[in-house]
Amino acid sequence: CLLRADNKHNKHHHSTQRLSTTQAMGVGDDIVNHITQMKTPNKGLLAVLLGIINCFFFGCGVIIGGILDNDLADVIIGLLQLFIPFLGWIWAILWGLLMIVRGLGSM
């Protein structure tokens, strides 16, 4: 009886792991798509403001945009921009400028 309970628990545990691994892979794909397609938060004046914030407070504009859009990929990209020295900072400035240009274009 104990062995069966353990087997049922283990089967349930493995299926939960697969689900979370699948979800993690989906977020990873979203991040890659955002980066390769240069997707940025784009909401007119808000995007301009977030772009300016991103240029001075590396990654913070993308993090805020990701939270407002409920987009985990943008939040993770912003965190990478924030925590990767030099390369992340350059990335954040370029992303911020892209957000400003796209935001002005959508107004």
PDB file of N, CA and C in Angstrom:
ATOM      1  N   CYS A   1       0.826  -1.190   0.000  1.00  0.00           N
ATOM      2  CA  CYS A   1       0.000   0.000   0.000  1.00  0.00           C
ATOM      3  C   CYS A   1       0.875   1.261   0.000  1.00  0.00           C
ATOM      4  N   LEU A   2       1.928   1.256   0.789  1.00  0.00           N
ATOM      5  CA  LEU A   2       2.835   2.394   0.803  1.00  0.00           C
ATOM      6  C   LEU A   2       3.542   2.567  -0.537  1.00  0.00           C
ATOM      7  N   LEU A   3       3.897   1.469  -1.142  1.00  0.00           N
ATOM      8  CA  LEU A   3       4.576   1.520  -2.421  1.00  0.00           C
ATOM      9  C   LEU A   3       3.681   2.154  -3.485  1.00  0.00           C
ATOM     10  N   ARG A   4       2.410   1.795  -3.489  1.00  0.00           N
ATOM     11  CA  ARG A   4       1.476   2.375  -4.457  1.00  0.00           C
ATOM     12  C   ARG A   4       1.321   3.883  -4.239  1.00  0.00           C
ATOM     13  N   ALA A   5       1.212   4.269  -2.994  1.00  0.00           N
ATOM     14  CA  ALA A   5       1.064   5.700  -2.708  1.00  0.00           C
ATOM     15  C   ALA A   5       2.292   6.462  -3.195  1.00  0.00           C
ATOM     16  N   ASP A   6       3.474   5.876  -2.980  1.00  0.00           N
ATOM     17  CA  ASP A   6       4.685   6.524  -3.438  1.00  0.00           C
ATOM     18  C   ASP A   6       4.715   6.613  -4.964  1.00  0.00           C
ATOM     19  N   ASN A   7       4.289   5.528  -5.638  1.00  0.00           N
ATOM     20  CA  ASN A   7       4.267   5.553  -7.096  1.00  0.00           C
ATOM     21  C   ASN A   7       3.310   6.614  -7.619  1.00  0.00           C
ATOM     22  N   LYS A   8       2.127   6.713  -7.007  1.00  0.00           N
ATOM     23  CA  LYS A   8       1.169   7.726  -7.436  1.00  0.00           C
ATOM     24  C   LYS A   8       1.745   9.112  -7.205  1.00  0.00           C
ATOM     25  N   HIS A   9       2.391   9.291  -6.063  1.00  0.00           N
ATOM     26  CA  HIS A   9       2.993  10.601  -5.766  1.00  0.00           C
ATOM     27  C   HIS A   9       4.095  10.922  -6.774  1.00  0.00           C
ATOM     28  N   ASN A  10       4.929   9.929  -7.088  1.00  0.00           N
ATOM     29  CA  ASN A  10       6.015  10.154  -8.036  1.00  0.00           C
ATOM     30  C   ASN A  10       5.495  10.471  -9.427  1.00  0.00           C
ATOM     31  N   LYS A  11       4.432   9.756  -9.863  1.00  0.00           N
ATOM     32  CA  LYS A  11       3.865  10.040 -11.181  1.00  0.00           C
ATOM     33  C   LYS A  11       3.317  11.456 -11.229  1.00  0.00           C
ATOM     34  N   HIS A  12       2.620  11.860 -10.166  1.00  0.00           N
ATOM     35  CA  HIS A  12       2.078  13.211 -10.118  1.00  0.00           C
ATOM     36  C   HIS A  12       3.206  14.236 -10.104  1.00  0.00           C
ATOM     37  N   HIS A  13       4.252  13.943  -9.355  1.00  0.00           N
ATOM     38  CA  HIS A  13       5.391  14.863  -9.259  1.00  0.00           C
ATOM     39  C   HIS A  13       6.054  15.045 -10.616  1.00  0.00           C
ATOM     40  N   HIS A  14       6.237  13.942 -11.370  1.00  0.00           N
ATOM     41  CA  HIS A  14       6.878  14.039 -12.685  1.00  0.00           C
ATOM     42  C   HIS A  14       6.022  14.817 -13.676  1.00  0.00           C
ATOM     43  N   SER A  15       4.707  14.620 -13.645  1.00  0.00           N
ATOM     44  CA  SER A  15       3.858  15.359 -14.581  1.00  0.00           C
ATOM     45  C   SER A  15       3.871  16.845 -14.262  1.00  0.00           C
ATOM     46  N   THR A  16       3.977  17.201 -12.982  1.00  0.00           N
ATOM     47  CA  THR A  16       4.073  18.609 -12.602  1.00  0.00           C
ATOM     48  C   THR A  16       5.379  19.190 -13.111  1.00  0.00           C
ATOM     49  N   GLN A  17       6.468  18.433 -13.014  1.00  0.00           N
ATOM     50  CA  GLN A  17       7.749  18.897 -13.523  1.00  0.00           C
ATOM     51  C   GLN A  17       7.699  19.115 -15.022  1.00  0.00           C
ATOM     52  N   ARG A  18       7.068  18.198 -15.752  1.00  0.00           N
ATOM     53  CA  ARG A  18       6.978  18.354 -17.209  1.00  0.00           C
ATOM     54  C   ARG A  18       6.209  19.617 -17.568  1.00  0.00           C
ATOM     55  N   LEU A  19       5.140  19.871 -16.853  1.00  0.00           N
ATOM     56  CA  LEU A  19       4.341  21.059 -17.129  1.00  0.00           C
ATOM     57  C   LEU A  19       5.164  22.317 -16.905  1.00  0.00           C
ATOM     58  N   SER A  20       5.878  22.376 -15.801  1.00  0.00           N
ATOM     59  CA  SER A  20       6.665  23.572 -15.535  1.00  0.00           C
ATOM     60  C   SER A  20       7.836  23.691 -16.509  1.00  0.00           C
ATOM     61  N   THR A  21       8.415  22.579 -16.927  1.00  0.00           N
ATOM     62  CA  THR A  21       9.488  22.618 -17.911  1.00  0.00           C
ATOM     63  C   THR A  21       8.952  23.109 -19.248  1.00  0.00           C
ATOM     64  N   THR A  22       7.773  22.637 -19.634  1.00  0.00           N
ATOM     65  CA  THR A  22       7.147  23.080 -20.881  1.00  0.00           C
ATOM     66  C   THR A  22       6.843  24.564 -20.825  1.00  0.00           C
ATOM     67  N   GLN A  23       6.335  25.012 -19.696  1.00  0.00           N
ATOM     68  CA  GLN A  23       6.050  26.439 -19.551  1.00  0.00           C
ATOM     69  C   GLN A  23       7.336  27.249 -19.631  1.00  0.00           C
ATOM     70  N   ALA A  24       8.389  26.762 -18.999  1.00  0.00           N
ATOM     71  CA  ALA A  24       9.668  27.471 -19.032  1.00  0.00           C
ATOM     72  C   ALA A  24      10.205  27.538 -20.459  1.00  0.00           C
ATOM     73  N   MET A  25      10.044  26.470 -21.212  1.00  0.00           N
ATOM     74  CA  MET A  25      10.501  26.476 -22.604  1.00  0.00           C
ATOM     75  C   MET A  25       9.700  27.487 -23.420  1.00  0.00           C
ATOM     76  N   GLY A  26       8.404  27.612 -23.132  1.00  0.00           N
ATOM     77  CA  GLY A  26       7.574  28.586 -23.825  1.00  0.00           C
ATOM     78  C   GLY A  26       8.038  30.004 -23.552  1.00  0.00           C
ATOM     79  N   VAL A  27       8.387  30.291 -22.298  1.00  0.00           N
ATOM     80  CA  VAL A  27       8.894  31.621 -21.952  1.00  0.00           C
ATOM     81  C   VAL A  27      10.229  31.854 -22.642  1.00  0.00           C
ATOM     82  N   GLY A  28      11.073  30.840 -22.690  1.00  0.00           N
ATOM     83  CA  GLY A  28      12.355  30.956 -23.382  1.00  0.00           C
ATOM     84  C   GLY A  28      12.161  31.272 -24.854  1.00  0.00           C
ATOM     85  N   ASP A  29      11.197  30.606 -25.487  1.00  0.00           N
ATOM     86  CA  ASP A  29      10.891  30.895 -26.892  1.00  0.00           C
ATOM     87  C   ASP A  29      10.389  32.323 -27.054  1.00  0.00           C
ATOM     88  N   ASP A  30       9.548  32.783 -26.112  1.00  0.00           N
ATOM     89  CA  ASP A  30       9.051  34.157 -26.158  1.00  0.00           C
ATOM     90  C   ASP A  30      10.200  35.152 -26.064  1.00  0.00           C
ATOM     91  N   ILE A  31      11.146  34.879 -25.183  1.00  0.00           N
ATOM     92  CA  ILE A  31      12.295  35.778 -25.010  1.00  0.00           C
ATOM     93  C   ILE A  31      13.105  35.841 -26.306  1.00  0.00           C
ATOM     94  N   VAL A  32      13.376  34.680 -26.892  1.00  0.00           N
ATOM     95  CA  VAL A  32      14.137  34.631 -28.143  1.00  0.00           C
ATOM     96  C   VAL A  32      13.387  35.389 -29.244  1.00  0.00           C
ATOM     97  N   ASN A  33      12.070  35.192 -29.340  1.00  0.00           N
ATOM     98  CA  ASN A  33      11.277  35.899 -30.350  1.00  0.00           C
ATOM     99  C   ASN A  33      11.293  37.402 -30.117  1.00  0.00           C
ATOM    100  N   HIS A  34      11.166  37.831 -28.869  1.00  0.00           N
ATOM    101  CA  HIS A  34      11.202  39.263 -28.562  1.00  0.00           C
ATOM    102  C   HIS A  34      12.534  39.873 -28.997  1.00  0.00           C
ATOM    103  N   ILE A  35      13.620  39.152 -28.719  1.00  0.00           N
ATOM    104  CA  ILE A  35      14.947  39.681 -29.036  1.00  0.00           C
ATOM    105  C   ILE A  35      15.190  39.674 -30.539  1.00  0.00           C
ATOM    106  N   THR A  36      14.934  38.545 -31.204  1.00  0.00           N
ATOM    107  CA  THR A  36      15.236  38.449 -32.635  1.00  0.00           C
ATOM    108  C   THR A  36      14.327  39.334 -33.478  1.00  0.00           C
ATOM    109  N   GLN A  37      13.083  39.529 -33.030  1.00  0.00           N
ATOM    110  CA  GLN A  37      12.153  40.379 -33.777  1.00  0.00           C
ATOM    111  C   GLN A  37      12.132  41.804 -33.229  1.00  0.00           C
ATOM    112  N   MET A  38      12.990  42.070 -32.255  1.00  0.00           N
ATOM    113  CA  MET A  38      13.103  43.379 -31.606  1.00  0.00           C
ATOM    114  C   MET A  38      11.739  43.914 -31.159  1.00  0.00           C
ATOM    115  N   LYS A  39      10.979  43.054 -30.469  1.00  0.00           N
ATOM    116  CA  LYS A  39       9.685  43.475 -29.934  1.00  0.00           C
ATOM    117  C   LYS A  39       9.925  44.264 -28.655  1.00  0.00           C
ATOM    118  N   THR A  40       9.365  45.444 -28.587  1.00  0.00           N
ATOM    119  CA  THR A  40       9.489  46.281 -27.401  1.00  0.00           C
ATOM    120  C   THR A  40       8.094  46.703 -26.967  1.00  0.00           C
ATOM    121  N   PRO A  41       7.937  47.085 -25.692  1.00  0.00           N
ATOM    122  CA  PRO A  41       6.650  47.662 -25.290  1.00  0.00           C
ATOM    123  C   PRO A  41       6.357  48.877 -26.166  1.00  0.00           C
ATOM    124  N   ASN A  42       5.155  48.943 -26.745  1.00  0.00           N
ATOM    125  CA  ASN A  42       4.862  49.989 -27.726  1.00  0.00           C
ATOM    126  C   ASN A  42       3.466  50.549 -27.470  1.00  0.00           C
ATOM    127  N   LYS A  43       3.398  51.642 -26.736  1.00  0.00           N
ATOM    128  CA  LYS A  43       2.105  52.252 -26.431  1.00  0.00           C
ATOM    129  C   LYS A  43       2.182  53.767 -26.512  1.00  0.00           C
ATOM    130  N   GLY A  44       2.622  54.288 -27.612  1.00  0.00           N
ATOM    131  CA  GLY A  44       2.639  55.728 -27.814  1.00  0.00           C
ATOM    132  C   GLY A  44       3.496  56.466 -26.807  1.00  0.00           C
ATOM    133  N   LEU A  45       2.893  57.421 -26.129  1.00  0.00           N
ATOM    134  CA  LEU A  45       3.608  58.266 -25.180  1.00  0.00           C
ATOM    135  C   LEU A  45       4.196  57.450 -24.028  1.00  0.00           C
ATOM    136  N   LEU A  46       3.488  56.411 -23.604  1.00  0.00           N
ATOM    137  CA  LEU A  46       4.002  55.550 -22.539  1.00  0.00           C
ATOM    138  C   LEU A  46       5.293  54.868 -22.983  1.00  0.00           C
ATOM    139  N   ALA A  47       5.342  54.415 -24.237  1.00  0.00           N
ATOM    140  CA  ALA A  47       6.560  53.772 -24.757  1.00  0.00           C
ATOM    141  C   ALA A  47       7.715  54.759 -24.787  1.00  0.00           C
ATOM    142  N   VAL A  48       7.437  56.018 -25.129  1.00  0.00           N
ATOM    143  CA  VAL A  48       8.476  57.054 -25.137  1.00  0.00           C
ATOM    144  C   VAL A  48       9.024  57.237 -23.720  1.00  0.00           C
ATOM    145  N   LEU A  49       8.133  57.363 -22.756  1.00  0.00           N
ATOM    146  CA  LEU A  49       8.543  57.533 -21.359  1.00  0.00           C
ATOM    147  C   LEU A  49       9.336  56.328 -20.867  1.00  0.00           C
ATOM    148  N   LEU A  50       8.844  55.124 -21.165  1.00  0.00           N
ATOM    149  CA  LEU A  50       9.552  53.908 -20.743  1.00  0.00           C
ATOM    150  C   LEU A  50      10.903  53.787 -21.442  1.00  0.00           C
ATOM    151  N   GLY A  51      10.984  54.235 -22.694  1.00  0.00           N
ATOM    152  CA  GLY A  51      12.255  54.217 -23.416  1.00  0.00           C
ATOM    153  C   GLY A  51      13.282  55.136 -22.784  1.00  0.00           C
ATOM    154  N   ILE A  52      12.830  56.327 -22.371  1.00  0.00           N
ATOM    155  CA  ILE A  52      13.736  57.267 -21.685  1.00  0.00           C
ATOM    156  C   ILE A  52      14.200  56.672 -20.360  1.00  0.00           C
ATOM    157  N   ILE A  53      13.270  56.095 -19.612  1.00  0.00           N
ATOM    158  CA  ILE A  53      13.628  55.444 -18.345  1.00  0.00           C
ATOM    159  C   ILE A  53      14.636  54.332 -18.597  1.00  0.00           C
ATOM    160  N   ASN A  54      14.416  53.553 -19.656  1.00  0.00           N
ATOM    161  CA  ASN A  54      15.300  52.427 -19.953  1.00  0.00           C
ATOM    162  C   ASN A  54      16.716  52.877 -20.290  1.00  0.00           C
ATOM    163  N   CYS A  55      16.848  54.038 -20.928  1.00  0.00           N
ATOM    164  CA  CYS A  55      18.180  54.544 -21.283  1.00  0.00           C
ATOM    165  C   CYS A  55      18.982  54.965 -20.055  1.00  0.00           C
ATOM    166  N   PHE A  56      18.312  55.453 -19.032  1.00  0.00           N
ATOM    167  CA  PHE A  56      19.016  55.959 -17.847  1.00  0.00           C
ATOM    168  C   PHE A  56      19.041  54.963 -16.688  1.00  0.00           C
ATOM    169  N   PHE A  57      18.001  54.162 -16.579  1.00  0.00           N
ATOM    170  CA  PHE A  57      17.921  53.131 -15.535  1.00  0.00           C
ATOM    171  C   PHE A  57      17.793  51.795 -16.253  1.00  0.00           C
ATOM    172  N   PHE A  58      18.953  51.290 -16.673  1.00  0.00           N
ATOM    173  CA  PHE A  58      19.068  50.166 -17.593  1.00  0.00           C
ATOM    174  C   PHE A  58      18.114  49.022 -17.274  1.00  0.00           C
ATOM    175  N   GLY A  59      17.198  48.747 -18.213  1.00  0.00           N
ATOM    176  CA  GLY A  59      16.266  47.637 -18.099  1.00  0.00           C
ATOM    177  C   GLY A  59      14.970  47.968 -17.388  1.00  0.00           C
ATOM    178  N   CYS A  60      14.945  49.020 -16.603  1.00  0.00           N
ATOM    179  CA  CYS A  60      13.751  49.324 -15.793  1.00  0.00           C
ATOM    180  C   CYS A  60      12.535  49.681 -16.650  1.00  0.00           C
ATOM    181  N   GLY A  61      12.752  50.366 -17.763  1.00  0.00           N
ATOM    182  CA  GLY A  61      11.638  50.699 -18.648  1.00  0.00           C
ATOM    183  C   GLY A  61      11.009  49.458 -19.252  1.00  0.00           C
ATOM    184  N   VAL A  62      11.837  48.492 -19.640  1.00  0.00           N
ATOM    185  CA  VAL A  62      11.324  47.241 -20.206  1.00  0.00           C
ATOM    186  C   VAL A  62      10.631  46.424 -19.121  1.00  0.00           C
ATOM    187  N   ILE A  63      11.183  46.419 -17.916  1.00  0.00           N
ATOM    188  CA  ILE A  63      10.546  45.693 -16.813  1.00  0.00           C
ATOM    189  C   ILE A  63       9.162  46.274 -16.537  1.00  0.00           C
ATOM    190  N   ILE A  64       9.067  47.593 -16.435  1.00  0.00           N
ATOM    191  CA  ILE A  64       7.778  48.240 -16.167  1.00  0.00           C
ATOM    192  C   ILE A  64       6.802  47.959 -17.310  1.00  0.00           C
ATOM    193  N   GLY A  65       7.266  48.089 -18.553  1.00  0.00           N
ATOM    194  CA  GLY A  65       6.414  47.788 -19.706  1.00  0.00           C
ATOM    195  C   GLY A  65       5.929  46.349 -19.698  1.00  0.00           C
ATOM    196  N   GLY A  66       6.815  45.419 -19.330  1.00  0.00           N
ATOM    197  CA  GLY A  66       6.439  44.011 -19.247  1.00  0.00           C
ATOM    198  C   GLY A  66       5.397  43.761 -18.173  1.00  0.00           C
ATOM    199  N   ILE A  67       5.539  44.446 -17.036  1.00  0.00           N
ATOM    200  CA  ILE A  67       4.551  44.301 -15.958  1.00  0.00           C
ATOM    201  C   ILE A  67       3.205  44.863 -16.405  1.00  0.00           C
ATOM    202  N   LEU A  68       3.217  46.044 -17.031  1.00  0.00           N
ATOM    203  CA  LEU A  68       1.966  46.661 -17.488  1.00  0.00           C
ATOM    204  C   LEU A  68       1.279  45.834 -18.573  1.00  0.00           C
ATOM    205  N   ASP A  69       2.077  45.194 -19.444  1.00  0.00           N
ATOM    206  CA  ASP A  69       1.529  44.366 -20.523  1.00  0.00           C
ATOM    207  C   ASP A  69       1.321  42.918 -20.096  1.00  0.00           C
ATOM    208  N   ASN A  70       1.686  42.591 -18.851  1.00  0.00           N
ATOM    209  CA  ASN A  70       1.621  41.215 -18.357  1.00  0.00           C
ATOM    210  C   ASN A  70       2.419  40.287 -19.276  1.00  0.00           C
ATOM    211  N   ASP A  71       3.635  40.713 -19.623  1.00  0.00           N
ATOM    212  CA  ASP A  71       4.501  40.004 -20.561  1.00  0.00           C
ATOM    213  C   ASP A  71       5.788  39.595 -19.837  1.00  0.00           C
ATOM    214  N   LEU A  72       5.852  38.339 -19.440  1.00  0.00           N
ATOM    215  CA  LEU A  72       6.991  37.828 -18.679  1.00  0.00           C
ATOM    216  C   LEU A  72       8.291  37.938 -19.468  1.00  0.00           C
ATOM    217  N   ALA A  73       8.229  37.751 -20.784  1.00  0.00           N
ATOM    218  CA  ALA A  73       9.443  37.838 -21.603  1.00  0.00           C
ATOM    219  C   ALA A  73      10.066  39.233 -21.492  1.00  0.00           C
ATOM    220  N   ASP A  74       9.247  40.290 -21.539  1.00  0.00           N
ATOM    221  CA  ASP A  74       9.793  41.646 -21.402  1.00  0.00           C
ATOM    222  C   ASP A  74      10.396  41.866 -20.016  1.00  0.00           C
ATOM    223  N   VAL A  75       9.764  41.318 -18.987  1.00  0.00           N
ATOM    224  CA  VAL A  75      10.305  41.461 -17.630  1.00  0.00           C
ATOM    225  C   VAL A  75      11.680  40.803 -17.544  1.00  0.00           C
ATOM    226  N   ILE A  76      11.806  39.604 -18.099  1.00  0.00           N
ATOM    227  CA  ILE A  76      13.087  38.887 -18.049  1.00  0.00           C
ATOM    228  C   ILE A  76      14.141  39.617 -18.881  1.00  0.00           C
ATOM    229  N   ILE A  77      13.755  40.137 -20.051  1.00  0.00           N
ATOM    230  CA  ILE A  77      14.692  40.898 -20.878  1.00  0.00           C
ATOM    231  C   ILE A  77      15.178  42.129 -20.110  1.00  0.00           C
ATOM    232  N   GLY A  78      14.270  42.816 -19.444  1.00  0.00           N
ATOM    233  CA  GLY A  78      14.655  43.978 -18.641  1.00  0.00           C
ATOM    234  C   GLY A  78      15.612  43.596 -17.522  1.00  0.00           C
ATOM    235  N   LEU A  79      15.363  42.468 -16.875  1.00  0.00           N
ATOM    236  CA  LEU A  79      16.263  42.004 -15.810  1.00  0.00           C
ATOM    237  C   LEU A  79      17.643  41.680 -16.369  1.00  0.00           C
ATOM    238  N   LEU A  80      17.685  41.073 -17.554  1.00  0.00           N
ATOM    239  CA  LEU A  80      18.979  40.794 -18.190  1.00  0.00           C
ATOM    240  C   LEU A  80      19.715  42.092 -18.502  1.00  0.00           C
ATOM    241  N   GLN A  81      18.988  43.087 -19.004  1.00  0.00           N
ATOM    242  CA  GLN A  81      19.613  44.373 -19.296  1.00  0.00           C
ATOM    243  C   GLN A  81      20.147  45.023 -18.023  1.00  0.00           C
ATOM    244  N   LEU A  82      19.442  44.837 -16.948  1.00  0.00           N
ATOM    245  CA  LEU A  82      19.824  45.436 -15.668  1.00  0.00           C
ATOM    246  C   LEU A  82      21.048  44.758 -15.060  1.00  0.00           C
ATOM    247  N   PHE A  83      21.120  43.439 -15.155  1.00  0.00           N
ATOM    248  CA  PHE A  83      22.137  42.698 -14.409  1.00  0.00           C
ATOM    249  C   PHE A  83      23.353  42.255 -15.218  1.00  0.00           C
ATOM    250  N   ILE A  84      23.346  42.439 -16.545  1.00  0.00           N
ATOM    251  CA  ILE A  84      24.529  42.090 -17.331  1.00  0.00           C
ATOM    252  C   ILE A  84      25.346  43.369 -17.524  1.00  0.00           C
ATOM    253  N   PRO A  85      26.501  43.462 -16.874  1.00  0.00           N
ATOM    254  CA  PRO A  85      27.305  44.685 -16.987  1.00  0.00           C
ATOM    255  C   PRO A  85      27.721  44.957 -18.427  1.00  0.00           C
ATOM    256  N   PHE A  86      27.817  46.191 -18.755  1.00  0.00           N
ATOM    257  CA  PHE A  86      28.262  46.746 -20.026  1.00  0.00           C
ATOM    258  C   PHE A  86      27.401  46.305 -21.216  1.00  0.00           C
ATOM    259  N   LEU A  87      27.411  45.026 -21.576  1.00  0.00           N
ATOM    260  CA  LEU A  87      26.618  44.558 -22.711  1.00  0.00           C
ATOM    261  C   LEU A  87      25.131  44.805 -22.466  1.00  0.00           C
ATOM    262  N   GLY A  88      24.660  44.511 -21.265  1.00  0.00           N
ATOM    263  CA  GLY A  88      23.260  44.750 -20.919  1.00  0.00           C
ATOM    264  C   GLY A  88      22.923  46.232 -20.944  1.00  0.00           C
ATOM    265  N   TRP A  89      23.864  47.059 -20.549  1.00  0.00           N
ATOM    266  CA  TRP A  89      23.631  48.503 -20.529  1.00  0.00           C
ATOM    267  C   TRP A  89      23.524  49.053 -21.951  1.00  0.00           C
ATOM    268  N   ILE A  90      24.394  48.592 -22.838  1.00  0.00           N
ATOM    269  CA  ILE A  90      24.319  49.004 -24.244  1.00  0.00           C
ATOM    270  C   ILE A  90      22.999  48.525 -24.851  1.00  0.00           C
ATOM    271  N   TRP A  91      22.649  47.277 -24.557  1.00  0.00           N
ATOM    272  CA  TRP A  91      21.397  46.685 -25.022  1.00  0.00           C
ATOM    273  C   TRP A  91      20.219  47.520 -24.524  1.00  0.00           C
ATOM    274  N   ALA A  92      20.260  47.921 -23.271  1.00  0.00           N
ATOM    275  CA  ALA A  92      19.171  48.716 -22.682  1.00  0.00           C
ATOM    276  C   ALA A  92      19.037  50.075 -23.374  1.00  0.00           C
ATOM    277  N   ILE A  93      20.155  50.711 -23.671  1.00  0.00           N
ATOM    278  CA  ILE A  93      20.105  52.018 -24.347  1.00  0.00           C
ATOM    279  C   ILE A  93      19.544  51.856 -25.762  1.00  0.00           C
ATOM    280  N   LEU A  94      20.021  50.857 -26.492  1.00  0.00           N
ATOM    281  CA  LEU A  94      19.502  50.621 -27.841  1.00  0.00           C
ATOM    282  C   LEU A  94      18.014  50.279 -27.809  1.00  0.00           C
ATOM    283  N   TRP A  95      17.615  49.441 -26.863  1.00  0.00           N
ATOM    284  CA  TRP A  95      16.206  49.054 -26.719  1.00  0.00           C
ATOM    285  C   TRP A  95      15.376  50.284 -26.353  1.00  0.00           C
ATOM    286  N   GLY A  96      15.908  51.111 -25.470  1.00  0.00           N
ATOM    287  CA  GLY A  96      15.214  52.334 -25.073  1.00  0.00           C
ATOM    288  C   GLY A  96      15.011  53.271 -26.245  1.00  0.00           C
ATOM    289  N   LEU A  97      16.043  53.457 -27.057  1.00  0.00           N
ATOM    290  CA  LEU A  97      15.922  54.305 -28.243  1.00  0.00           C
ATOM    291  C   LEU A  97      14.898  53.735 -29.223  1.00  0.00           C
ATOM    292  N   LEU A  98      14.892  52.421 -29.383  1.00  0.00           N
ATOM    293  CA  LEU A  98      13.920  51.765 -30.245  1.00  0.00           C
ATOM    294  C   LEU A  98      12.497  51.986 -29.713  1.00  0.00           C
ATOM    295  N   MET A  99      12.325  51.900 -28.395  1.00  0.00           N
ATOM    296  CA  MET A  99      11.015  52.149 -27.788  1.00  0.00           C
ATOM    297  C   MET A  99      10.558  53.584 -28.043  1.00  0.00           C
ATOM    298  N   ILE A 100      11.481  54.530 -27.935  1.00  0.00           N
ATOM    299  CA  ILE A 100      11.149  55.950 -28.165  1.00  0.00           C
ATOM    300  C   ILE A 100      10.717  56.161 -29.617  1.00  0.00           C
ATOM    301  N   VAL A 101      11.495  55.639 -30.559  1.00  0.00           N
ATOM    302  CA  VAL A 101      11.177  55.820 -31.978  1.00  0.00           C
ATOM    303  C   VAL A 101       9.835  55.173 -32.315  1.00  0.00           C
ATOM    304  N   ARG A 102       9.623  53.953 -31.823  1.00  0.00           N
ATOM    305  CA  ARG A 102       8.347  53.273 -32.112  1.00  0.00           C
ATOM    306  C   ARG A 102       7.182  53.974 -31.417  1.00  0.00           C
ATOM    307  N   GLY A 103       7.404  54.457 -30.211  1.00  0.00           N
ATOM    308  CA  GLY A 103       6.351  55.173 -29.494  1.00  0.00           C
ATOM    309  C   GLY A 103       5.953  56.460 -30.200  1.00  0.00           C
ATOM    310  N   LEU A 104       6.952  57.195 -30.683  1.00  0.00           N
ATOM    311  CA  LEU A 104       6.663  58.427 -31.428  1.00  0.00           C
ATOM    312  C   LEU A 104       5.967  58.120 -32.749  1.00  0.00           C
ATOM    313  N   GLY A 105       6.331  57.001 -33.353  1.00  0.00           N
ATOM    314  CA  GLY A 105       5.722  56.588 -34.627  1.00  0.00           C
ATOM    315  C   GLY A 105       4.277  56.164 -34.486  1.00  0.00           C
ATOM    316  N   SER A 106       3.892  55.719 -33.293  1.00  0.00           N
ATOM    317  CA  SER A 106       2.516  55.247 -33.113  1.00  0.00           C
ATOM    318  C   SER A 106       1.586  56.358 -32.603  1.00  0.00           C
ATOM    319  N   MET A 107       2.128  57.554 -32.408  1.00  0.00           N
ATOM    320  CA  MET A 107       1.296  58.658 -31.902  1.00  0.00           C
ATOM    321  C   MET A 107       0.564  59.368 -33.019  1.00  0.00           C
TER     322      MET A 107
END
